[in-house]
Amino acid sequence: MKKNKNKKYKKVFGNPDRPRISVFRSNKSIYAQVIDDSSGRTLTSSSSIEKIFRDCKKNNKTDLSMKVGRLLGNRIKKLNIKKLVFDKGRYLYHGRVKSLADGIREIGLDF
């Protein structure tokens, strides 16, 4: 019998007051998006493959994740959202995922 490996990660849920930040990490890049689960809409997103980060490929991936977090934090702040729910998915809260979260917290958002 095959187990559903994503079953234990389904507990994090965002609403209009506290949207969810979903993180996806690949070997080369990191992606984050802010989702309102009650309406099923993506409010904003940011990733390391955006045009402004093309010159930053010389940096290490942790520093790049911090910059992506700051960019996402600024975009969230423009939407007048102050509180969020952080969904790290199946990744450990360590390394690039932690850097992304720290970049968002630097802007002054709370989760």
PDB file of N, CA and C in Angstrom:
ATOM      1  N   MET A   1       0.834  -1.176   0.000  1.00  0.00           N
ATOM      2  CA  MET A   1       0.000   0.000   0.000  1.00  0.00           C
ATOM      3  C   MET A   1       0.883   1.245   0.000  1.00  0.00           C
ATOM      4  N   LYS A   2       0.613   2.180  -0.900  1.00  0.00           N
ATOM      5  CA  LYS A   2       1.426   3.372  -1.046  1.00  0.00           C
ATOM      6  C   LYS A   2       0.942   4.473  -0.101  1.00  0.00           C
ATOM      7  N   LYS A   3       1.859   5.080   0.620  1.00  0.00           N
ATOM      8  CA  LYS A   3       1.511   6.163   1.531  1.00  0.00           C
ATOM      9  C   LYS A   3       1.544   7.498   0.790  1.00  0.00           C
ATOM     10  N   ASN A   4       0.686   8.394   1.203  1.00  0.00           N
ATOM     11  CA  ASN A   4       0.687   9.732   0.642  1.00  0.00           C
ATOM     12  C   ASN A   4       1.708  10.556   1.411  1.00  0.00           C
ATOM     13  N   LYS A   5       2.836  10.877   0.761  1.00  0.00           N
ATOM     14  CA  LYS A   5       3.914  11.545   1.475  1.00  0.00           C
ATOM     15  C   LYS A   5       3.605  12.999   1.803  1.00  0.00           C
ATOM     16  N   ASN A   6       2.630  13.605   1.123  1.00  0.00           N
ATOM     17  CA  ASN A   6       2.284  14.993   1.400  1.00  0.00           C
ATOM     18  C   ASN A   6       1.164  15.129   2.430  1.00  0.00           C
ATOM     19  N   LYS A   7       0.649  14.023   2.924  1.00  0.00           N
ATOM     20  CA  LYS A   7      -0.491  14.055   3.830  1.00  0.00           C
ATOM     21  C   LYS A   7      -0.190  14.812   5.124  1.00  0.00           C
ATOM     22  N   LYS A   8       0.985  14.655   5.668  1.00  0.00           N
ATOM     23  CA  LYS A   8       1.298  15.296   6.937  1.00  0.00           C
ATOM     24  C   LYS A   8       1.597  16.781   6.790  1.00  0.00           C
ATOM     25  N   TYR A   9       1.743  17.290   5.573  1.00  0.00           N
ATOM     26  CA  TYR A   9       2.036  18.694   5.367  1.00  0.00           C
ATOM     27  C   TYR A   9       0.790  19.510   5.044  1.00  0.00           C
ATOM     28  N   LYS A  10      -0.383  18.919   5.034  1.00  0.00           N
ATOM     29  CA  LYS A  10      -1.610  19.590   4.653  1.00  0.00           C
ATOM     30  C   LYS A  10      -2.198  20.460   5.761  1.00  0.00           C
ATOM     31  N   LYS A  11      -1.620  20.499   6.938  1.00  0.00           N
ATOM     32  CA  LYS A  11      -2.226  21.157   8.081  1.00  0.00           C
ATOM     33  C   LYS A  11      -2.115  22.685   8.034  1.00  0.00           C
ATOM     34  N   VAL A  12      -1.199  23.229   7.266  1.00  0.00           N
ATOM     35  CA  VAL A  12      -1.013  24.667   7.194  1.00  0.00           C
ATOM     36  C   VAL A  12      -2.036  25.235   6.224  1.00  0.00           C
ATOM     37  N   PHE A  13      -2.791  26.255   6.683  1.00  0.00           N
ATOM     38  CA  PHE A  13      -3.871  26.816   5.876  1.00  0.00           C
ATOM     39  C   PHE A  13      -3.861  28.335   6.022  1.00  0.00           C
ATOM     40  N   GLY A  14      -3.981  29.047   4.919  1.00  0.00           N
ATOM     41  CA  GLY A  14      -4.008  30.502   4.938  1.00  0.00           C
ATOM     42  C   GLY A  14      -5.407  31.024   4.698  1.00  0.00           C
ATOM     43  N   ASN A  15      -5.707  32.188   5.251  1.00  0.00           N
ATOM     44  CA  ASN A  15      -6.997  32.837   5.042  1.00  0.00           C
ATOM     45  C   ASN A  15      -6.741  34.284   4.633  1.00  0.00           C
ATOM     46  N   PRO A  16      -7.774  35.071   4.351  1.00  0.00           N
ATOM     47  CA  PRO A  16      -7.530  36.454   3.917  1.00  0.00           C
ATOM     48  C   PRO A  16      -6.798  37.309   4.950  1.00  0.00           C
ATOM     49  N   ASP A  17      -6.979  37.016   6.241  1.00  0.00           N
ATOM     50  CA  ASP A  17      -6.285  37.786   7.277  1.00  0.00           C
ATOM     51  C   ASP A  17      -4.823  37.383   7.405  1.00  0.00           C
ATOM     52  N   ARG A  18      -4.543  36.084   7.269  1.00  0.00           N
ATOM     53  CA  ARG A  18      -3.169  35.567   7.356  1.00  0.00           C
ATOM     54  C   ARG A  18      -2.913  34.627   6.178  1.00  0.00           C
ATOM     55  N   PRO A  19      -2.477  35.159   5.031  1.00  0.00           N
ATOM     56  CA  PRO A  19      -2.191  34.297   3.888  1.00  0.00           C
ATOM     57  C   PRO A  19      -0.985  33.396   4.151  1.00  0.00           C
ATOM     58  N   ARG A  20      -0.851  32.374   3.343  1.00  0.00           N
ATOM     59  CA  ARG A  20       0.203  31.364   3.502  1.00  0.00           C
ATOM     60  C   ARG A  20       1.344  31.651   2.536  1.00  0.00           C
ATOM     61  N   ILE A  21       2.578  31.555   3.038  1.00  0.00           N
ATOM     62  CA  ILE A  21       3.762  31.640   2.186  1.00  0.00           C
ATOM     63  C   ILE A  21       4.198  30.210   1.895  1.00  0.00           C
ATOM     64  N   SER A  22       4.116  29.816   0.639  1.00  0.00           N
ATOM     65  CA  SER A  22       4.510  28.474   0.229  1.00  0.00           C
ATOM     66  C   SER A  22       5.899  28.538  -0.399  1.00  0.00           C
ATOM     67  N   VAL A  23       6.774  27.613   0.005  1.00  0.00           N
ATOM     68  CA  VAL A  23       8.161  27.609  -0.457  1.00  0.00           C
ATOM     69  C   VAL A  23       8.433  26.353  -1.264  1.00  0.00           C
ATOM     70  N   PHE A  24       9.114  26.540  -2.408  1.00  0.00           N
ATOM     71  CA  PHE A  24       9.608  25.417  -3.192  1.00  0.00           C
ATOM     72  C   PHE A  24      11.083  25.661  -3.453  1.00  0.00           C
ATOM     73  N   ARG A  25      11.882  24.647  -3.212  1.00  0.00           N
ATOM     74  CA  ARG A  25      13.326  24.752  -3.354  1.00  0.00           C
ATOM     75  C   ARG A  25      13.795  23.684  -4.330  1.00  0.00           C
ATOM     76  N   SER A  26      14.489  24.113  -5.379  1.00  0.00           N
ATOM     77  CA  SER A  26      15.112  23.150  -6.288  1.00  0.00           C
ATOM     78  C   SER A  26      16.620  23.191  -6.051  1.00  0.00           C
ATOM     79  N   ASN A  27      17.359  22.441  -6.820  1.00  0.00           N
ATOM     80  CA  ASN A  27      18.812  22.436  -6.641  1.00  0.00           C
ATOM     81  C   ASN A  27      19.441  23.773  -7.010  1.00  0.00           C
ATOM     82  N   LYS A  28      18.861  24.479  -7.974  1.00  0.00           N
ATOM     83  CA  LYS A  28      19.444  25.732  -8.438  1.00  0.00           C
ATOM     84  C   LYS A  28      18.703  26.970  -7.939  1.00  0.00           C
ATOM     85  N   SER A  29      17.406  26.881  -7.721  1.00  0.00           N
ATOM     86  CA  SER A  29      16.599  28.062  -7.455  1.00  0.00           C
ATOM     87  C   SER A  29      15.715  27.870  -6.231  1.00  0.00           C
ATOM     88  N   ILE A  30      15.100  28.974  -5.804  1.00  0.00           N
ATOM     89  CA  ILE A  30      14.112  28.939  -4.735  1.00  0.00           C
ATOM     90  C   ILE A  30      12.926  29.798  -5.162  1.00  0.00           C
ATOM     91  N   TYR A  31      11.733  29.337  -4.861  1.00  0.00           N
ATOM     92  CA  TYR A  31      10.493  30.001  -5.249  1.00  0.00           C
ATOM     93  C   TYR A  31       9.632  30.157  -4.010  1.00  0.00           C
ATOM     94  N   ALA A  32       8.919  31.279  -3.920  1.00  0.00           N
ATOM     95  CA  ALA A  32       7.987  31.495  -2.811  1.00  0.00           C
ATOM     96  C   ALA A  32       6.781  32.246  -3.346  1.00  0.00           C
ATOM     97  N   GLN A  33       5.608  31.861  -2.863  1.00  0.00           N
ATOM     98  CA  GLN A  33       4.401  32.565  -3.256  1.00  0.00           C
ATOM     99  C   GLN A  33       3.482  32.721  -2.059  1.00  0.00           C
ATOM    100  N   VAL A  34       2.702  33.793  -2.087  1.00  0.00           N
ATOM    101  CA  VAL A  34       1.754  34.097  -1.021  1.00  0.00           C
ATOM    102  C   VAL A  34       0.372  33.721  -1.529  1.00  0.00           C
ATOM    103  N   ILE A  35      -0.305  32.815  -0.792  1.00  0.00           N
ATOM    104  CA  ILE A  35      -1.558  32.231  -1.246  1.00  0.00           C
ATOM    105  C   ILE A  35      -2.659  32.482  -0.225  1.00  0.00           C
ATOM    106  N   ASP A  36      -3.826  32.875  -0.725  1.00  0.00           N
ATOM    107  CA  ASP A  36      -5.040  32.948   0.095  1.00  0.00           C
ATOM    108  C   ASP A  36      -5.811  31.664  -0.191  1.00  0.00           C
ATOM    109  N   ASP A  37      -5.785  30.703   0.739  1.00  0.00           N
ATOM    110  CA  ASP A  37      -6.379  29.388   0.508  1.00  0.00           C
ATOM    111  C   ASP A  37      -7.898  29.402   0.461  1.00  0.00           C
ATOM    112  N   SER A  38      -8.531  30.363   1.118  1.00  0.00           N
ATOM    113  CA  SER A  38      -9.992  30.375   1.110  1.00  0.00           C
ATOM    114  C   SER A  38     -10.549  30.722  -0.270  1.00  0.00           C
ATOM    115  N   SER A  39      -9.846  31.580  -1.014  1.00  0.00           N
ATOM    116  CA  SER A  39     -10.300  31.906  -2.367  1.00  0.00           C
ATOM    117  C   SER A  39      -9.495  31.169  -3.431  1.00  0.00           C
ATOM    118  N   GLY A  40      -8.377  30.550  -3.037  1.00  0.00           N
ATOM    119  CA  GLY A  40      -7.556  29.807  -3.988  1.00  0.00           C
ATOM    120  C   GLY A  40      -6.758  30.705  -4.917  1.00  0.00           C
ATOM    121  N   ARG A  41      -6.381  31.891  -4.453  1.00  0.00           N
ATOM    122  CA  ARG A  41      -5.661  32.853  -5.278  1.00  0.00           C
ATOM    123  C   ARG A  41      -4.229  33.026  -4.805  1.00  0.00           C
ATOM    124  N   THR A  42      -3.324  33.202  -5.757  1.00  0.00           N
ATOM    125  CA  THR A  42      -1.963  33.595  -5.443  1.00  0.00           C
ATOM    126  C   THR A  42      -1.917  35.115  -5.448  1.00  0.00           C
ATOM    127  N   LEU A  43      -1.528  35.709  -4.310  1.00  0.00           N
ATOM    128  CA  LEU A  43      -1.518  37.158  -4.190  1.00  0.00           C
ATOM    129  C   LEU A  43      -0.261  37.770  -4.794  1.00  0.00           C
ATOM    130  N   THR A  44       0.893  37.182  -4.520  1.00  0.00           N
ATOM    131  CA  THR A  44       2.154  37.637  -5.088  1.00  0.00           C
ATOM    132  C   THR A  44       3.163  36.500  -4.998  1.00  0.00           C
ATOM    133  N   SER A  45       4.241  36.637  -5.747  1.00  0.00           N
ATOM    134  CA  SER A  45       5.272  35.601  -5.718  1.00  0.00           C
ATOM    135  C   SER A  45       6.629  36.216  -6.003  1.00  0.00           C
ATOM    136  N   SER A  46       7.654  35.428  -5.731  1.00  0.00           N
ATOM    137  CA  SER A  46       9.023  35.847  -5.987  1.00  0.00           C
ATOM    138  C   SER A  46       9.870  34.603  -6.170  1.00  0.00           C
ATOM    139  N   SER A  47      10.900  34.707  -6.996  1.00  0.00           N
ATOM    140  CA  SER A  47      11.787  33.562  -7.200  1.00  0.00           C
ATOM    141  C   SER A  47      13.174  34.049  -7.576  1.00  0.00           C
ATOM    142  N   SER A  48      14.131  33.153  -7.496  1.00  0.00           N
ATOM    143  CA  SER A  48      15.504  33.508  -7.811  1.00  0.00           C
ATOM    144  C   SER A  48      15.780  33.505  -9.304  1.00  0.00           C
ATOM    145  N   ILE A  49      14.794  33.172 -10.134  1.00  0.00           N
ATOM    146  CA  ILE A  49      15.002  33.192 -11.577  1.00  0.00           C
ATOM    147  C   ILE A  49      14.475  34.475 -12.214  1.00  0.00           C
ATOM    148  N   GLU A  50      14.059  35.435 -11.390  1.00  0.00           N
ATOM    149  CA  GLU A  50      13.581  36.705 -11.921  1.00  0.00           C
ATOM    150  C   GLU A  50      14.738  37.490 -12.520  1.00  0.00           C
ATOM    151  N   LYS A  51      14.374  38.447 -13.356  1.00  0.00           N
ATOM    152  CA  LYS A  51      15.360  39.196 -14.125  1.00  0.00           C
ATOM    153  C   LYS A  51      16.353  39.960 -13.243  1.00  0.00           C
ATOM    154  N   ILE A  52      15.903  40.481 -12.109  1.00  0.00           N
ATOM    155  CA  ILE A  52      16.789  41.290 -11.264  1.00  0.00           C
ATOM    156  C   ILE A  52      17.862  40.456 -10.571  1.00  0.00           C
ATOM    157  N   PHE A  53      17.682  39.138 -10.522  1.00  0.00           N
ATOM    158  CA  PHE A  53      18.658  38.274  -9.863  1.00  0.00           C
ATOM    159  C   PHE A  53      19.614  37.601 -10.840  1.00  0.00           C
ATOM    160  N   ARG A  54      19.555  37.927 -12.106  1.00  0.00           N
ATOM    161  CA  ARG A  54      20.421  37.261 -13.085  1.00  0.00           C
ATOM    162  C   ARG A  54      21.896  37.552 -12.853  1.00  0.00           C
ATOM    163  N   ASP A  55      22.219  38.749 -12.357  1.00  0.00           N
ATOM    164  CA  ASP A  55      23.614  39.090 -12.078  1.00  0.00           C
ATOM    165  C   ASP A  55      24.077  38.527 -10.743  1.00  0.00           C
ATOM    166  N   CYS A  56      23.169  38.083  -9.905  1.00  0.00           N
ATOM    167  CA  CYS A  56      23.503  37.597  -8.563  1.00  0.00           C
ATOM    168  C   CYS A  56      23.861  36.119  -8.545  1.00  0.00           C
ATOM    169  N   LYS A  57      23.942  35.462  -9.674  1.00  0.00           N
ATOM    170  CA  LYS A  57      24.233  34.031  -9.706  1.00  0.00           C
ATOM    171  C   LYS A  57      25.636  33.722  -9.196  1.00  0.00           C
ATOM    172  N   LYS A  58      26.495  34.753  -9.135  1.00  0.00           N
ATOM    173  CA  LYS A  58      27.850  34.530  -8.631  1.00  0.00           C
ATOM    174  C   LYS A  58      27.859  34.348  -7.119  1.00  0.00           C
ATOM    175  N   ASN A  59      26.832  34.869  -6.441  1.00  0.00           N
ATOM    176  CA  ASN A  59      26.718  34.708  -4.989  1.00  0.00           C
ATOM    177  C   ASN A  59      26.319  33.277  -4.655  1.00  0.00           C
ATOM    178  N   ASN A  60      26.445  32.922  -3.396  1.00  0.00           N
ATOM    179  CA  ASN A  60      25.976  31.587  -3.013  1.00  0.00           C
ATOM    180  C   ASN A  60      24.460  31.579  -2.889  1.00  0.00           C
ATOM    181  N   LYS A  61      23.876  30.409  -2.862  1.00  0.00           N
ATOM    182  CA  LYS A  61      22.429  30.262  -2.922  1.00  0.00           C
ATOM    183  C   LYS A  61      21.741  30.759  -1.653  1.00  0.00           C
ATOM    184  N   THR A  62      22.428  30.729  -0.524  1.00  0.00           N
ATOM    185  CA  THR A  62      21.837  31.209   0.725  1.00  0.00           C
ATOM    186  C   THR A  62      21.652  32.720   0.682  1.00  0.00           C
ATOM    187  N   ASP A  63      22.654  33.439   0.174  1.00  0.00           N
ATOM    188  CA  ASP A  63      22.521  34.891   0.044  1.00  0.00           C
ATOM    189  C   ASP A  63      21.435  35.255  -0.960  1.00  0.00           C
ATOM    190  N   LEU A  64      21.344  34.498  -2.026  1.00  0.00           N
ATOM    191  CA  LEU A  64      20.314  34.727  -3.027  1.00  0.00           C
ATOM    192  C   LEU A  64      18.923  34.508  -2.435  1.00  0.00           C
ATOM    193  N   SER A  65      18.779  33.502  -1.574  1.00  0.00           N
ATOM    194  CA  SER A  65      17.501  33.242  -0.907  1.00  0.00           C
ATOM    195  C   SER A  65      17.110  34.394   0.009  1.00  0.00           C
ATOM    196  N   MET A  66      18.086  34.992   0.660  1.00  0.00           N
ATOM    197  CA  MET A  66      17.833  36.151   1.519  1.00  0.00           C
ATOM    198  C   MET A  66      17.306  37.317   0.690  1.00  0.00           C
ATOM    199  N   LYS A  67      17.890  37.533  -0.482  1.00  0.00           N
ATOM    200  CA  LYS A  67      17.446  38.619  -1.363  1.00  0.00           C
ATOM    201  C   LYS A  67      16.039  38.354  -1.900  1.00  0.00           C
ATOM    202  N   VAL A  68      15.730  37.107  -2.207  1.00  0.00           N
ATOM    203  CA  VAL A  68      14.389  36.745  -2.669  1.00  0.00           C
ATOM    204  C   VAL A  68      13.382  37.007  -1.555  1.00  0.00           C
ATOM    205  N   GLY A  69      13.747  36.685  -0.320  1.00  0.00           N
ATOM    206  CA  GLY A  69      12.875  36.940   0.822  1.00  0.00           C
ATOM    207  C   GLY A  69      12.610  38.424   1.028  1.00  0.00           C
ATOM    208  N   ARG A  70      13.646  39.241   0.863  1.00  0.00           N
ATOM    209  CA  ARG A  70      13.462  40.688   0.998  1.00  0.00           C
ATOM    210  C   ARG A  70      12.534  41.231  -0.091  1.00  0.00           C
ATOM    211  N   LEU A  71      12.730  40.744  -1.328  1.00  0.00           N
ATOM    212  CA  LEU A  71      11.870  41.182  -2.431  1.00  0.00           C
ATOM    213  C   LEU A  71      10.420  40.780  -2.180  1.00  0.00           C
ATOM    214  N   LEU A  72      10.215  39.544  -1.735  1.00  0.00           N
ATOM    215  CA  LEU A  72       8.857  39.083  -1.439  1.00  0.00           C
ATOM    216  C   LEU A  72       8.259  39.884  -0.285  1.00  0.00           C
ATOM    217  N   GLY A  73       9.066  40.178   0.720  1.00  0.00           N
ATOM    218  CA  GLY A  73       8.591  40.982   1.843  1.00  0.00           C
ATOM    219  C   GLY A  73       8.136  42.367   1.414  1.00  0.00           C
ATOM    220  N   ASN A  74       8.879  42.990   0.515  1.00  0.00           N
ATOM    221  CA  ASN A  74       8.481  44.308   0.010  1.00  0.00           C
ATOM    222  C   ASN A  74       7.187  44.226  -0.790  1.00  0.00           C
ATOM    223  N   ARG A  75       7.033  43.161  -1.569  1.00  0.00           N
ATOM    224  CA  ARG A  75       5.806  42.995  -2.347  1.00  0.00           C
ATOM    225  C   ARG A  75       4.602  42.736  -1.440  1.00  0.00           C
ATOM    226  N   ILE A  76       4.812  41.995  -0.358  1.00  0.00           N
ATOM    227  CA  ILE A  76       3.735  41.727   0.597  1.00  0.00           C
ATOM    228  C   ILE A  76       3.341  43.011   1.320  1.00  0.00           C
ATOM    229  N   LYS A  77       4.341  43.816   1.674  1.00  0.00           N
ATOM    230  CA  LYS A  77       4.077  45.058   2.385  1.00  0.00           C
ATOM    231  C   LYS A  77       3.236  46.019   1.545  1.00  0.00           C
ATOM    232  N   LYS A  78       3.431  45.994   0.222  1.00  0.00           N
ATOM    233  CA  LYS A  78       2.624  46.837  -0.666  1.00  0.00           C
ATOM    234  C   LYS A  78       1.153  46.417  -0.669  1.00  0.00           C
ATOM    235  N   LEU A  79       0.888  45.149  -0.338  1.00  0.00           N
ATOM    236  CA  LEU A  79      -0.486  44.646  -0.270  1.00  0.00           C
ATOM    237  C   LEU A  79      -1.131  44.905   1.090  1.00  0.00           C
ATOM    238  N   ASN A  80      -0.415  45.582   1.998  1.00  0.00           N
ATOM    239  CA  ASN A  80      -0.887  45.902   3.354  1.00  0.00           C
ATOM    240  C   ASN A  80      -1.205  44.646   4.164  1.00  0.00           C
ATOM    241  N   ILE A  81      -0.366  43.643   4.040  1.00  0.00           N
ATOM    242  CA  ILE A  81      -0.484  42.415   4.834  1.00  0.00           C
ATOM    243  C   ILE A  81       0.636  42.431   5.862  1.00  0.00           C
ATOM    244  N   LYS A  82       0.287  42.209   7.132  1.00  0.00           N
ATOM    245  CA  LYS A  82       1.297  42.259   8.189  1.00  0.00           C
ATOM    246  C   LYS A  82       1.571  40.901   8.826  1.00  0.00           C
ATOM    247  N   LYS A  83       0.586  40.005   8.825  1.00  0.00           N
ATOM    248  CA  LYS A  83       0.751  38.693   9.448  1.00  0.00           C
ATOM    249  C   LYS A  83       0.569  37.608   8.398  1.00  0.00           C
ATOM    250  N   LEU A  84       1.405  36.578   8.491  1.00  0.00           N
ATOM    251  CA  LEU A  84       1.406  35.493   7.515  1.00  0.00           C
ATOM    252  C   LEU A  84       1.546  34.156   8.211  1.00  0.00           C
ATOM    253  N   VAL A  85       1.334  33.092   7.442  1.00  0.00           N
ATOM    254  CA  VAL A  85       1.580  31.724   7.895  1.00  0.00           C
ATOM    255  C   VAL A  85       2.673  31.165   6.987  1.00  0.00           C
ATOM    256  N   PHE A  86       3.728  30.625   7.560  1.00  0.00           N
ATOM    257  CA  PHE A  86       4.862  30.123   6.778  1.00  0.00           C
ATOM    258  C   PHE A  86       4.714  28.624   6.565  1.00  0.00           C
ATOM    259  N   ASP A  87       4.647  28.207   5.312  1.00  0.00           N
ATOM    260  CA  ASP A  87       4.526  26.803   4.946  1.00  0.00           C
ATOM    261  C   ASP A  87       5.827  26.370   4.276  1.00  0.00           C
ATOM    262  N   LYS A  88       6.670  25.702   5.035  1.00  0.00           N
ATOM    263  CA  LYS A  88       7.955  25.269   4.499  1.00  0.00           C
ATOM    264  C   LYS A  88       7.845  23.972   3.713  1.00  0.00           C
ATOM    265  N   GLY A  89       6.668  23.359   3.758  1.00  0.00           N
ATOM    266  CA  GLY A  89       6.466  22.117   3.009  1.00  0.00           C
ATOM    267  C   GLY A  89       7.262  20.975   3.600  1.00  0.00           C
ATOM    268  N   ARG A  90       7.910  20.231   2.752  1.00  0.00           N
ATOM    269  CA  ARG A  90       8.672  19.066   3.208  1.00  0.00           C
ATOM    270  C   ARG A  90      10.119  19.383   3.520  1.00  0.00           C
ATOM    271  N   TYR A  91      10.501  20.657   3.422  1.00  0.00           N
ATOM    272  CA  TYR A  91      11.891  21.047   3.628  1.00  0.00           C
ATOM    273  C   TYR A  91      12.153  21.359   5.098  1.00  0.00           C
ATOM    274  N   LEU A  92      13.366  21.114   5.541  1.00  0.00           N
ATOM    275  CA  LEU A  92      13.772  21.476   6.887  1.00  0.00           C
ATOM    276  C   LEU A  92      13.925  22.990   6.987  1.00  0.00           C
ATOM    277  N   TYR A  93      13.643  23.530   8.153  1.00  0.00           N
ATOM    278  CA  TYR A  93      13.826  24.959   8.381  1.00  0.00           C
ATOM    279  C   TYR A  93      15.301  25.203   8.657  1.00  0.00           C
ATOM    280  N   HIS A  94      16.076  25.190   7.566  1.00  0.00           N
ATOM    281  CA  HIS A  94      17.524  25.274   7.687  1.00  0.00           C
ATOM    282  C   HIS A  94      18.076  25.708   6.341  1.00  0.00           C
ATOM    283  N   GLY A  95      19.166  26.435   6.328  1.00  0.00           N
ATOM    284  CA  GLY A  95      19.813  26.798   5.079  1.00  0.00           C
ATOM    285  C   GLY A  95      19.042  27.826   4.287  1.00  0.00           C
ATOM    286  N   ARG A  96      18.718  27.478   3.044  1.00  0.00           N
ATOM    287  CA  ARG A  96      18.069  28.424   2.140  1.00  0.00           C
ATOM    288  C   ARG A  96      16.644  28.766   2.565  1.00  0.00           C
ATOM    289  N   VAL A  97      15.922  27.812   3.139  1.00  0.00           N
ATOM    290  CA  VAL A  97      14.555  28.082   3.591  1.00  0.00           C
ATOM    291  C   VAL A  97      14.583  29.057   4.766  1.00  0.00           C
ATOM    292  N   LYS A  98      15.506  28.879   5.672  1.00  0.00           N
ATOM    293  CA  LYS A  98      15.650  29.789   6.813  1.00  0.00           C
ATOM    294  C   LYS A  98      16.083  31.171   6.343  1.00  0.00           C
ATOM    295  N   SER A  99      16.959  31.234   5.354  1.00  0.00           N
ATOM    296  CA  SER A  99      17.394  32.516   4.800  1.00  0.00           C
ATOM    297  C   SER A  99      16.236  33.280   4.179  1.00  0.00           C
ATOM    298  N   LEU A 100      15.397  32.572   3.456  1.00  0.00           N
ATOM    299  CA  LEU A 100      14.227  33.195   2.849  1.00  0.00           C
ATOM    300  C   LEU A 100      13.320  33.773   3.929  1.00  0.00           C
ATOM    301  N   ALA A 101      13.078  33.010   4.981  1.00  0.00           N
ATOM    302  CA  ALA A 101      12.228  33.474   6.084  1.00  0.00           C
ATOM    303  C   ALA A 101      12.856  34.676   6.793  1.00  0.00           C
ATOM    304  N   ASP A 102      14.166  34.655   6.983  1.00  0.00           N
ATOM    305  CA  ASP A 102      14.845  35.779   7.630  1.00  0.00           C
ATOM    306  C   ASP A 102      14.771  37.042   6.770  1.00  0.00           C
ATOM    307  N   GLY A 103      14.843  36.880   5.454  1.00  0.00           N
ATOM    308  CA  GLY A 103      14.712  38.019   4.558  1.00  0.00           C
ATOM    309  C   GLY A 103      13.331  38.652   4.645  1.00  0.00           C
ATOM    310  N   ILE A 104      12.306  37.819   4.797  1.00  0.00           N
ATOM    311  CA  ILE A 104      10.945  38.348   4.942  1.00  0.00           C
ATOM    312  C   ILE A 104      10.791  39.038   6.294  1.00  0.00           C
ATOM    313  N   ARG A 105      11.380  38.471   7.324  1.00  0.00           N
ATOM    314  CA  ARG A 105      11.285  39.079   8.663  1.00  0.00           C
ATOM    315  C   ARG A 105      12.040  40.398   8.747  1.00  0.00           C
ATOM    316  N   GLU A 106      13.109  40.553   7.967  1.00  0.00           N
ATOM    317  CA  GLU A 106      13.876  41.807   7.967  1.00  0.00           C
ATOM    318  C   GLU A 106      13.013  42.999   7.542  1.00  0.00           C
ATOM    319  N   ILE A 107      12.063  42.740   6.682  1.00  0.00           N
ATOM    320  CA  ILE A 107      11.187  43.801   6.186  1.00  0.00           C
ATOM    321  C   ILE A 107      10.186  44.224   7.263  1.00  0.00           C
ATOM    322  N   GLY A 108       9.949  43.372   8.249  1.00  0.00           N
ATOM    323  CA  GLY A 108       9.061  43.737   9.347  1.00  0.00           C
ATOM    324  C   GLY A 108       7.761  42.965   9.372  1.00  0.00           C
ATOM    325  N   LEU A 109       7.675  41.868   8.615  1.00  0.00           N
ATOM    326  CA  LEU A 109       6.466  41.052   8.616  1.00  0.00           C
ATOM    327  C   LEU A 109       6.561  39.995   9.690  1.00  0.00           C
ATOM    328  N   ASP A 110       5.391  39.518  10.132  1.00  0.00           N
ATOM    329  CA  ASP A 110       5.315  38.604  11.271  1.00  0.00           C
ATOM    330  C   ASP A 110       4.673  37.294  10.864  1.00  0.00           C
ATOM    331  N   PHE A 111       5.334  36.191  11.177  1.00  0.00           N
ATOM    332  CA  PHE A 111       4.746  34.859  10.992  1.00  0.00           C
ATOM    333  C   PHE A 111       5.320  33.900  11.984  1.00  0.00           C
TER     334      PHE A 111
END
